Protein backbone atom coordinates (compact mmCIF):
# COMPACT_ATOMS: atom_id res chain seq x y z
CA MET A 1 -7.38 -23.05 48.86
CA ALA A 2 -5.27 -20.17 47.39
CA ARG A 3 -5.25 -19.71 43.82
CA GLN A 4 -3.22 -17.70 41.35
CA LYS A 5 -4.60 -15.06 39.34
CA ASN A 6 -3.06 -12.95 36.43
CA VAL A 7 -3.59 -9.17 36.68
CA PHE A 8 -2.00 -6.10 34.95
CA THR A 9 -0.30 -3.60 37.14
CA CYS A 10 0.55 0.07 35.99
CA GLN A 11 4.15 0.66 36.36
CA LYS A 12 3.36 4.50 37.06
CA CYS A 13 0.63 4.53 39.59
CA ALA A 14 0.42 0.89 40.57
CA ALA A 15 -3.28 0.56 39.50
CA ILE A 16 -4.53 -2.94 39.01
CA THR A 17 -6.74 -4.13 36.25
CA SER A 18 -8.03 -7.54 35.16
CA LYS A 19 -7.08 -7.27 31.49
CA TRP A 20 -4.73 -5.35 29.40
CA VAL A 21 -5.69 -2.02 27.92
CA GLY A 22 -3.45 0.35 26.07
CA GLN A 23 -4.05 3.45 28.50
CA CYS A 24 -4.21 3.15 32.29
CA PRO A 25 -7.58 3.93 33.44
CA GLU A 26 -6.13 5.75 36.53
CA CYS A 27 -3.12 7.89 35.48
CA GLY A 28 -3.66 7.96 31.70
CA GLU A 29 -0.21 6.67 30.95
CA TRP A 30 0.04 4.69 27.70
CA ASN A 31 1.45 1.19 27.39
CA SER A 32 2.45 1.19 31.20
CA LEU A 33 0.34 -2.06 32.12
CA ASP A 34 2.56 -5.04 32.84
CA GLU A 35 1.20 -8.60 33.64
CA SER A 36 1.90 -10.06 36.93
CA VAL A 37 0.64 -12.92 39.27
CA ILE A 38 -1.06 -12.63 42.59
CA GLU A 39 -2.64 -15.08 45.03
CA GLU A 40 -6.16 -15.15 45.93
CA THR A 41 -7.46 -16.90 49.11
CA PRO A 42 -11.24 -17.44 49.53
CA ASN A 43 -12.86 -15.44 52.43
CA PRO A 44 -15.97 -17.37 53.50
CA SER A 45 -17.18 -14.88 55.91
CA GLN A 46 -17.65 -12.37 52.96
CA GLY A 47 -18.37 -14.97 50.19
CA ARG A 48 -15.65 -13.48 48.11
CA SER A 49 -12.06 -13.74 47.46
CA ARG A 50 -9.34 -11.44 48.93
CA VAL A 51 -5.71 -10.88 47.78
CA SER A 52 -3.10 -12.32 50.18
CA TYR A 53 0.37 -10.92 50.41
CA SER A 54 1.50 -12.94 53.09
CA GLY A 55 2.71 -16.64 52.80
CA PHE A 56 5.68 -16.67 55.29
CA ASP A 57 6.17 -15.98 58.82
CA ALA A 58 8.37 -12.83 59.48
CA THR A 59 10.40 -12.51 62.55
CA VAL A 60 12.35 -9.37 64.02
CA CYS A 61 15.62 -9.55 65.54
CA LEU A 62 18.43 -7.20 66.62
CA LEU A 63 21.02 -6.52 63.97
CA ASP A 64 23.83 -6.99 66.55
CA SER A 65 22.64 -10.48 67.40
CA VAL A 66 23.10 -11.63 63.69
CA GLU A 67 26.05 -13.95 63.54
CA SER A 68 28.41 -12.83 60.81
CA ILE A 69 29.66 -15.68 58.76
CA GLU A 70 32.61 -15.54 56.20
CA GLU A 71 31.31 -16.55 52.89
CA ALA A 72 33.12 -19.33 51.20
CA ARG A 73 34.16 -18.65 47.82
CA ILE A 74 34.42 -20.97 44.76
CA SER A 75 37.13 -20.20 42.47
CA THR A 76 36.32 -20.37 38.73
CA GLY A 77 39.87 -21.19 37.83
CA MET A 78 40.43 -17.69 36.30
CA SER A 79 42.15 -15.31 38.45
CA GLU A 80 40.76 -12.30 36.36
CA LEU A 81 37.14 -13.32 36.78
CA ASP A 82 37.58 -14.13 40.48
CA ARG A 83 39.09 -10.50 41.00
CA VAL A 84 35.96 -9.07 39.36
CA LEU A 85 33.70 -11.21 41.44
CA GLY A 86 35.38 -10.29 44.51
CA GLY A 87 37.53 -13.18 45.20
CA GLY A 88 35.29 -16.01 43.56
CA LEU A 89 31.78 -17.10 43.40
CA VAL A 90 29.63 -17.16 46.55
CA SER A 91 27.18 -20.02 46.88
CA GLY A 92 23.61 -18.95 46.32
CA SER A 93 24.61 -15.64 44.53
CA ILE A 94 23.20 -14.64 41.28
CA VAL A 95 25.56 -13.11 38.72
CA LEU A 96 24.15 -11.27 35.62
CA ILE A 97 26.55 -11.04 32.59
CA GLY A 98 25.75 -8.54 29.73
CA GLY A 99 27.64 -7.50 26.71
CA ASP A 100 27.46 -6.83 22.99
CA PRO A 101 26.52 -9.83 20.74
CA GLY A 102 29.60 -11.96 20.03
CA ILE A 103 31.75 -10.22 22.46
CA GLY A 104 32.43 -13.62 24.15
CA LYS A 105 29.93 -14.10 27.11
CA SER A 106 28.98 -17.66 26.23
CA THR A 107 32.69 -18.61 25.53
CA LEU A 108 33.70 -17.28 28.99
CA LEU A 109 31.06 -19.22 30.76
CA LEU A 110 31.74 -22.30 28.81
CA GLN A 111 35.28 -22.05 29.72
CA THR A 112 34.46 -21.55 33.33
CA MET A 113 32.28 -24.46 33.51
CA SER A 114 34.99 -26.68 31.94
CA THR A 115 37.37 -25.50 34.77
CA LEU A 116 34.90 -26.14 37.33
CA SER A 117 34.01 -29.56 36.20
CA GLN A 118 37.73 -30.50 36.82
CA ILE A 119 38.13 -29.02 40.20
CA SER A 120 34.75 -29.85 41.72
CA SER A 121 33.25 -33.17 42.66
CA THR A 122 29.87 -31.83 41.71
CA PRO A 123 29.36 -31.30 37.67
CA PRO A 124 28.16 -27.92 36.85
CA LEU A 125 24.96 -27.47 34.88
CA TYR A 126 24.85 -25.48 31.62
CA VAL A 127 21.48 -24.37 30.51
CA THR A 128 20.89 -22.94 27.14
CA GLY A 129 17.97 -21.53 25.60
CA GLU A 130 19.43 -20.21 22.35
CA GLU A 131 21.64 -22.89 20.92
CA SER A 132 21.11 -26.48 20.28
CA PRO A 133 23.41 -29.12 22.13
CA GLN A 134 25.37 -29.64 18.90
CA GLN A 135 26.24 -25.97 18.53
CA VAL A 136 27.51 -25.93 22.22
CA SER A 137 29.49 -29.08 21.63
CA LEU A 138 31.02 -27.61 18.48
CA ARG A 139 32.24 -24.50 20.40
CA ALA A 140 33.68 -26.70 23.17
CA GLN A 141 35.59 -28.84 20.66
CA ARG A 142 36.71 -25.45 18.73
CA LEU A 143 38.14 -24.18 22.07
CA GLY A 144 39.66 -27.45 23.21
CA LEU A 145 37.85 -27.62 26.33
CA ASN A 146 37.34 -30.66 28.64
CA VAL A 147 33.65 -30.83 29.15
CA HIS A 148 33.18 -34.59 29.77
CA GLN A 149 31.71 -33.61 33.27
CA VAL A 150 29.60 -30.65 32.17
CA LYS A 151 26.05 -31.35 31.99
CA LEU A 152 23.89 -29.66 29.24
CA LEU A 153 20.12 -28.98 29.39
CA THR A 154 18.36 -27.38 26.54
CA GLU A 155 15.18 -25.78 27.94
CA THR A 156 13.31 -22.45 28.09
CA GLN A 157 10.61 -23.03 30.75
CA VAL A 158 11.85 -21.87 34.05
CA GLU A 159 9.82 -24.41 36.04
CA LYS A 160 11.47 -27.40 34.13
CA ILE A 161 14.88 -25.84 34.57
CA ILE A 162 14.40 -25.46 38.26
CA ALA A 163 13.00 -29.08 38.50
CA MET A 164 16.11 -30.39 36.77
CA ALA A 165 18.38 -28.49 38.93
CA GLN A 166 16.80 -29.76 42.00
CA LYS A 167 17.27 -33.34 40.57
CA GLU A 168 20.90 -32.83 39.57
CA LYS A 169 22.05 -30.55 42.44
CA PRO A 170 25.00 -28.70 40.83
CA LYS A 171 27.00 -26.14 42.67
CA VAL A 172 27.20 -23.96 39.74
CA MET A 173 24.51 -23.23 36.94
CA VAL A 174 24.57 -21.14 33.82
CA VAL A 175 21.42 -19.87 32.17
CA ASP A 176 22.00 -18.58 28.66
CA SER A 177 20.21 -16.29 28.18
CA ILE A 178 17.38 -14.93 30.63
CA GLN A 179 15.58 -13.26 27.73
CA THR A 180 14.89 -16.67 26.27
CA ILE A 181 13.47 -18.17 29.66
CA HIS A 182 9.73 -18.04 30.24
CA THR A 183 7.19 -19.11 32.91
CA GLU A 184 3.97 -20.91 32.32
CA MET A 185 2.35 -18.62 34.84
CA LEU A 186 2.19 -15.87 32.22
CA GLN A 187 0.77 -15.59 28.82
CA SER A 188 3.12 -12.95 27.47
CA ALA A 189 5.83 -13.55 25.02
CA GLN A 190 9.32 -14.62 25.62
CA GLY A 191 11.68 -11.67 26.24
CA SER A 192 8.84 -9.41 27.61
CA VAL A 193 9.21 -7.36 30.72
CA SER A 194 6.90 -9.62 32.61
CA GLN A 195 8.44 -12.77 31.59
CA VAL A 196 12.01 -11.62 32.24
CA ARG A 197 11.26 -10.33 35.65
CA GLU A 198 9.13 -13.33 36.84
CA SER A 199 11.66 -15.91 35.41
CA ALA A 200 14.51 -14.09 37.26
CA ALA A 201 12.63 -13.90 40.49
CA GLN A 202 12.17 -17.73 40.35
CA LEU A 203 15.66 -18.25 39.67
CA VAL A 204 16.73 -16.00 42.50
CA ARG A 205 14.41 -17.66 44.99
CA PHE A 206 15.77 -21.08 43.83
CA ALA A 207 19.26 -19.94 44.24
CA LYS A 208 18.94 -18.49 47.67
CA GLN A 209 17.11 -21.65 48.93
CA THR A 210 19.55 -24.32 47.57
CA ASN A 211 22.75 -22.23 47.80
CA ILE A 212 23.50 -22.92 43.99
CA ALA A 213 25.56 -20.00 42.47
CA VAL A 214 23.74 -18.91 39.14
CA PHE A 215 25.30 -17.12 35.95
CA LEU A 216 22.53 -15.42 33.96
CA VAL A 217 23.42 -14.14 30.42
CA GLY A 218 21.54 -10.91 29.64
CA HIS A 219 21.02 -9.29 26.15
CA VAL A 220 21.86 -5.54 25.63
CA THR A 221 20.09 -2.92 23.80
CA LYS A 222 21.54 -0.91 21.05
CA GLU A 223 22.50 1.76 23.71
CA GLY A 224 24.42 -0.77 25.43
CA ALA A 225 22.29 -1.29 28.56
CA LEU A 226 20.95 -4.50 29.67
CA ALA A 227 17.53 -5.40 27.93
CA GLY A 228 14.53 -5.78 30.07
CA PRO A 229 13.40 -4.33 33.16
CA ARG A 230 15.57 -2.27 35.24
CA VAL A 231 14.58 -4.29 38.17
CA LEU A 232 16.58 -7.31 36.87
CA GLU A 233 19.73 -5.59 37.91
CA HIS A 234 18.47 -4.93 41.55
CA MET A 235 17.43 -8.44 42.02
CA VAL A 236 20.68 -10.01 41.17
CA ASP A 237 23.87 -9.82 43.50
CA THR A 238 26.44 -9.12 40.88
CA VAL A 239 26.17 -7.32 37.59
CA LEU A 240 29.12 -7.58 35.03
CA TYR A 241 29.49 -5.88 31.75
CA PHE A 242 31.62 -7.05 28.85
CA GLU A 243 33.43 -4.12 27.26
CA GLY A 244 35.62 -3.78 24.32
CA ASP A 245 35.49 -3.63 20.55
CA THR A 246 34.92 -6.81 18.49
CA GLY A 247 37.44 -5.64 16.07
CA THR A 248 40.15 -5.90 18.56
CA SER A 249 41.25 -8.87 20.71
CA PHE A 250 40.97 -7.35 24.05
CA ARG A 251 37.93 -7.76 26.24
CA VAL A 252 37.31 -6.13 29.65
CA ILE A 253 34.88 -7.17 32.21
CA ARG A 254 33.72 -4.45 34.54
CA SER A 255 31.82 -4.95 37.84
CA ILE A 256 28.93 -2.65 38.00
CA LYS A 257 27.26 -4.11 41.13
CA ASN A 258 28.60 -6.53 43.65
CA ARG A 259 27.23 -7.42 47.01
CA PHE A 260 30.27 -9.40 47.81
CA GLY A 261 33.24 -7.32 46.59
CA ALA A 262 34.36 -4.01 45.09
CA VAL A 263 32.41 -2.32 42.31
CA ASN A 264 34.12 -1.05 39.09
CA GLU A 265 36.59 -3.69 39.31
CA LEU A 266 38.23 -4.85 35.97
CA GLY A 267 39.21 -8.17 34.55
CA VAL A 268 41.21 -8.11 31.28
CA PHE A 269 41.15 -10.83 28.83
CA SER A 270 42.46 -11.40 25.22
CA MET A 271 40.27 -13.36 22.80
CA THR A 272 42.25 -16.02 20.80
CA ASP A 273 41.31 -19.00 18.64
CA LYS A 274 41.25 -21.16 21.95
CA GLY A 275 38.92 -18.72 23.68
CA LEU A 276 39.60 -15.93 26.28
CA VAL A 277 43.00 -15.88 27.83
CA GLU A 278 43.86 -13.71 30.93
CA VAL A 279 45.92 -10.71 30.74
CA THR A 280 47.66 -10.38 34.25
CA ASN A 281 49.53 -7.42 33.49
CA PRO A 282 47.31 -5.19 31.53
CA SER A 283 49.46 -2.13 31.79
CA ALA A 284 52.04 -3.71 29.60
CA ILE A 285 49.52 -4.36 26.94
CA PHE A 286 47.61 -0.96 26.70
CA VAL A 287 50.92 0.71 26.86
CA SER A 288 53.56 0.18 23.87
CA ARG A 289 56.46 2.15 24.79
CA GLU A 290 58.52 0.66 22.03
CA ALA A 291 56.41 2.61 19.42
CA GLU A 292 57.65 5.61 17.54
CA GLU A 293 57.06 8.89 19.45
CA VAL A 294 54.10 10.80 17.77
CA PRO A 295 52.48 14.05 18.70
CA GLY A 296 49.20 13.91 20.59
CA SER A 297 50.15 10.91 22.74
CA ILE A 298 50.48 10.59 26.45
CA ILE A 299 50.53 7.96 29.10
CA MET A 300 48.11 8.26 32.09
CA VAL A 301 47.50 6.22 35.17
CA THR A 302 43.93 5.43 35.95
CA HIS A 303 42.66 3.39 38.87
CA GLU A 304 39.78 0.69 38.36
CA GLY A 305 38.59 -0.90 41.32
CA THR A 306 41.62 -1.94 43.23
CA ARG A 307 44.03 -1.96 40.31
CA PRO A 308 46.15 0.95 38.97
CA LEU A 309 46.19 0.74 35.18
CA LEU A 310 48.62 2.50 32.57
CA VAL A 311 46.75 3.57 29.43
CA GLU A 312 47.66 5.77 26.45
CA VAL A 313 45.40 8.65 25.65
CA GLN A 314 45.71 10.00 21.97
CA ALA A 315 44.51 13.19 20.44
CA LEU A 316 44.23 14.59 17.02
CA VAL A 317 43.62 18.28 16.45
CA ASP A 318 43.15 19.57 12.85
CA ASN A 319 41.72 22.65 11.20
CA THR A 320 38.33 22.69 9.99
CA HIS A 321 36.09 24.85 7.75
CA ASN A 322 32.85 23.55 9.25
CA PRO A 323 30.99 25.98 11.26
CA ASN A 324 30.59 23.49 13.95
CA PRO A 325 33.82 21.82 14.68
CA ARG A 326 33.72 18.07 15.38
CA ARG A 327 34.28 16.53 18.92
CA VAL A 328 34.73 12.76 18.74
CA VAL A 329 35.57 10.94 21.92
CA LEU A 330 36.32 7.14 22.27
CA GLY A 331 36.54 5.78 25.74
CA LEU A 332 35.88 8.84 27.58
CA ASP A 333 33.13 11.23 28.39
CA GLN A 334 32.36 13.51 25.40
CA ASN A 335 30.73 16.26 27.52
CA ARG A 336 33.80 16.30 29.61
CA LEU A 337 35.99 17.09 26.69
CA ALA A 338 33.74 20.27 26.05
CA VAL A 339 34.22 21.40 29.62
CA LEU A 340 38.00 20.95 29.54
CA LEU A 341 38.41 22.78 26.31
CA ALA A 342 36.59 25.80 27.72
CA VAL A 343 38.96 25.53 30.75
CA LEU A 344 41.90 25.54 28.48
CA HIS A 345 40.80 28.64 26.71
CA ARG A 346 39.83 30.45 29.75
CA HIS A 347 42.80 29.60 32.10
CA GLY A 348 45.43 28.63 29.65
CA GLY A 349 44.80 31.08 26.93
CA ILE A 350 44.66 28.32 24.15
CA ALA A 351 41.67 28.42 21.78
CA THR A 352 40.38 25.40 19.84
CA TYR A 353 36.92 26.65 18.69
CA ASP A 354 37.94 26.43 15.13
CA MET A 355 39.55 22.99 15.29
CA ASP A 356 38.31 19.44 15.00
CA ILE A 357 39.39 17.23 18.03
CA PHE A 358 39.55 13.58 18.21
CA ILE A 359 40.33 11.68 21.38
CA ASN A 360 41.01 7.94 21.78
CA VAL A 361 41.74 5.65 24.60
CA VAL A 362 44.17 2.76 23.05
CA GLY A 363 42.97 -0.71 23.39
CA GLY A 364 39.14 -0.07 23.56
CA ILE A 365 39.25 0.40 27.40
CA ARG A 366 36.71 2.91 28.83
CA ILE A 367 37.73 5.41 31.57
CA ASN A 368 35.16 6.74 33.81
CA GLU A 369 37.05 8.72 36.47
CA THR A 370 37.99 12.38 36.19
CA GLY A 371 41.74 11.55 36.70
CA ALA A 372 41.87 11.43 32.66
CA ASP A 373 41.30 15.33 32.78
CA LEU A 374 45.00 16.31 32.66
CA ALA A 375 45.88 13.63 30.20
CA ILE A 376 43.31 14.86 27.86
CA LEU A 377 44.32 18.43 27.88
CA VAL A 378 48.13 17.32 27.45
CA ALA A 379 47.46 15.25 24.58
CA VAL A 380 45.27 18.08 22.77
CA LEU A 381 48.04 20.47 23.23
CA SER A 382 50.74 18.07 22.21
CA SER A 383 48.93 17.63 18.75
CA LEU A 384 47.96 21.22 18.49
CA ARG A 385 51.61 22.37 18.82
CA ASN A 386 52.84 19.25 16.87
CA VAL A 387 55.34 18.48 19.73
CA THR A 388 56.14 14.91 20.87
CA LEU A 389 56.25 14.22 24.49
CA SER A 390 58.76 11.83 26.15
CA ARG A 391 57.64 8.23 26.63
CA ASN A 392 59.10 8.42 30.22
CA LEU A 393 56.27 10.85 31.16
CA VAL A 394 53.01 10.12 32.84
CA VAL A 395 50.24 12.50 34.18
CA PHE A 396 47.00 12.27 35.91
CA GLY A 397 44.73 14.71 37.81
CA GLU A 398 41.41 16.26 37.76
CA ILE A 399 41.00 19.68 36.50
CA GLY A 400 38.30 22.21 38.05
CA LEU A 401 36.34 24.98 36.26
CA GLY A 402 38.76 27.51 37.98
CA GLY A 403 41.80 25.91 36.42
CA GLU A 404 42.87 24.30 39.54
CA ILE A 405 44.37 20.78 39.58
CA ARG A 406 42.42 18.51 42.00
CA PRO A 407 43.83 15.35 43.60
CA VAL A 408 42.41 11.96 42.76
CA PRO A 409 42.13 8.74 44.82
CA ASN A 410 45.08 6.39 45.41
CA GLY A 411 47.64 8.80 44.06
CA VAL A 412 50.60 6.95 45.50
CA GLU A 413 49.49 3.55 44.16
CA ARG A 414 49.47 5.05 40.64
CA LEU A 415 52.86 6.41 40.94
CA ARG A 416 54.29 3.09 42.09
CA GLU A 417 52.73 1.46 39.06
CA ALA A 418 54.31 4.06 36.88
CA ALA A 419 57.86 3.56 38.45
CA LYS A 420 57.39 -0.21 38.09
CA HIS A 421 56.99 0.03 34.38
CA GLY A 422 60.09 2.27 33.97
CA PHE A 423 58.59 5.76 33.71
CA ARG A 424 60.92 8.38 35.23
CA ARG A 425 58.76 11.71 35.40
CA ALA A 426 55.30 12.29 36.57
CA ILE A 427 53.14 15.48 36.63
CA VAL A 428 50.55 15.05 39.25
CA PRO A 429 48.21 17.26 41.47
CA LYS A 430 50.22 18.89 44.29
CA ALA A 431 47.73 17.00 47.06
CA ASN A 432 48.76 13.75 45.34
CA ALA A 433 52.59 14.31 45.71
CA PRO A 434 53.90 11.45 47.96
CA GLN A 435 55.55 12.43 51.44
CA ASP A 436 58.26 9.86 50.80
CA LYS A 437 60.27 9.85 47.64
CA ILE A 438 59.48 6.95 45.23
CA ALA A 439 62.43 5.24 43.66
CA ASN A 440 63.29 5.96 40.14
CA ILE A 441 60.63 8.51 39.51
CA ASP A 442 60.64 12.27 39.62
CA VAL A 443 57.36 13.61 40.76
CA VAL A 444 56.40 17.22 39.65
CA PRO A 445 53.57 18.46 41.76
CA VAL A 446 51.17 21.24 40.23
CA LEU A 447 48.50 23.39 41.61
CA ARG A 448 46.97 24.97 38.66
CA LEU A 449 46.73 24.29 34.96
CA VAL A 450 49.32 27.04 34.08
CA ASP A 451 51.75 25.25 36.29
CA ALA A 452 51.06 21.99 34.39
CA LEU A 453 51.59 23.66 31.16
CA HIS A 454 54.77 25.42 32.30
CA SER A 455 56.18 21.85 33.63
CA LEU A 456 55.17 20.38 30.15
CA ALA A 457 57.08 23.01 28.44
CA THR A 458 60.21 22.43 30.52
CA SER A 459 59.94 18.71 29.90
CA THR A 460 59.83 19.38 26.31
CA ILE A 461 62.83 21.50 26.20
CA GLU A 462 64.77 19.22 28.38
CA LYS A 463 64.08 16.39 25.96
CA LYS A 464 65.09 18.47 22.97
CA GLU A 465 68.40 19.40 24.49
CA SER A 466 69.07 15.76 25.51
CA THR A 467 68.62 14.75 21.92
C-alpha cells in the first residue's frame, strides 16, 4: 500500500531532507526548505520503500488529432466582469482575484453569486474562511442582494470544502480566501507557502475533474503583489487584479493572465452604497471636459486590452531649492519620466533639472503602455510655460531616445474613440495617421519631438486668436 510522507524540499537546489533545518545542507541557502508531500510504495525485493512519482497512465497523441471544442461560457451578470474574463466564466476554470484590503473583492464576488443564483438552476457555493455567516449575511443585506439561493459554508480545511462541494455540486464556487485555507496533510501554519500551494493544487484538481468554476480570493503584500508562492499564479487559469485608490469611488479590474481570453483587459466599476456598479463608458468618467482649463492638463488615448480609453494626464512643474529635485508619478512609470525629461532636454532644448515635477493620471487608473510618452511631455511643457491647452486636443505616441515619435498599436481605434467623444484635433505619430480621413477630427502627424512641440505651439496660437 502506498503511504504519504512529509519531506522538506529546497526551493533553490531541490535537495530533500526528512526534517526542517534553517540552512540547506546541499547548497547552503538559508530558509529555503519548504514542506511537501510525496507518496512511498513498498519495494519487497529490496526490503525498503521507494518514492513513486507515477499514479496515472499517460498517453501520447498527435496534436492535430485533438478535437477543438468551443468552451461554453457562464455569464456572471456583469458585462464588465465578463469582458475581463474573456466573455464569461469557463466551466472548470480557476480565477484568482487579488487586491488591497477593502477595495471590494468580497463585495464583487457576493454580487456575482447573487446574480448567478437567479439565472442558474444550480445554487452557487460561497466558502468563507475569514468571516462568520452573520458577517456575510449583514453585507448582503446592506447591499440589498437577493441571496436566497446562495449556499454558504464557513470552513478552512480544504478536504472538507471539497467534500461539501462534491455533495452540493455547484456550477460556481467562491473560496475567500486561499490564504486562510489549509490541508491536514501538512503541519505548517495557515498562510504559509506550502499550505497555500498544496491547498490551491487540490482545488485546481477538483475543479478540472468536476468542471466547477472556482473563484479564489488572494491577499496581497505591501508591494501590491499576490501573497504566497509565485507558483500560485501559474497554477490558476486567470489572474485578476483590483486597482484603484480606496479614497475614490472608481475601481478597475485588470486581467494579468487569462488562458481563455485577452490579457491586460480592463473592467471599470464605481463603488456605491449598494456595491459595485458597472461603468460602461469609462472615457466619459475619466475625462471631465466641462472642467475649467488649467495649465498642465492634456487628454490622451490609451488602449487597454480590446478597449480604447480616454484619460487625463496632469503635470505640475515648480521651482525647487533642493539639490535633488523631486519626481513624483502616480499611475505611470517613474523611471520612464526620467528618460523622457532627458529626451526633452537633449532634443527639445528644454531643461527641467532644477524643477520639481509631479505627474498624475486622473481617476486612479494605471497606464502601463509607452503610448503615454507624448502626453507626459506635453503636460510638463504646458505647466512649465503656464499655458492652457485646448480641451478639444488629444495626443498619444511613444518617444524614442533619439527624439523620434514612434507608432503605437491600434492607432485608428484610438482616433475613432476621440472623435466619438467630440475631440477635434489629435497630435499622433506619423505612422499612426489613418489613410482615410476620420470624420470630425483633424489629425496632425508628427515624426520627431520638435515637430510635436511646433504643432503644439501652433495649436496654442490658434486657440489664443480664436478667443
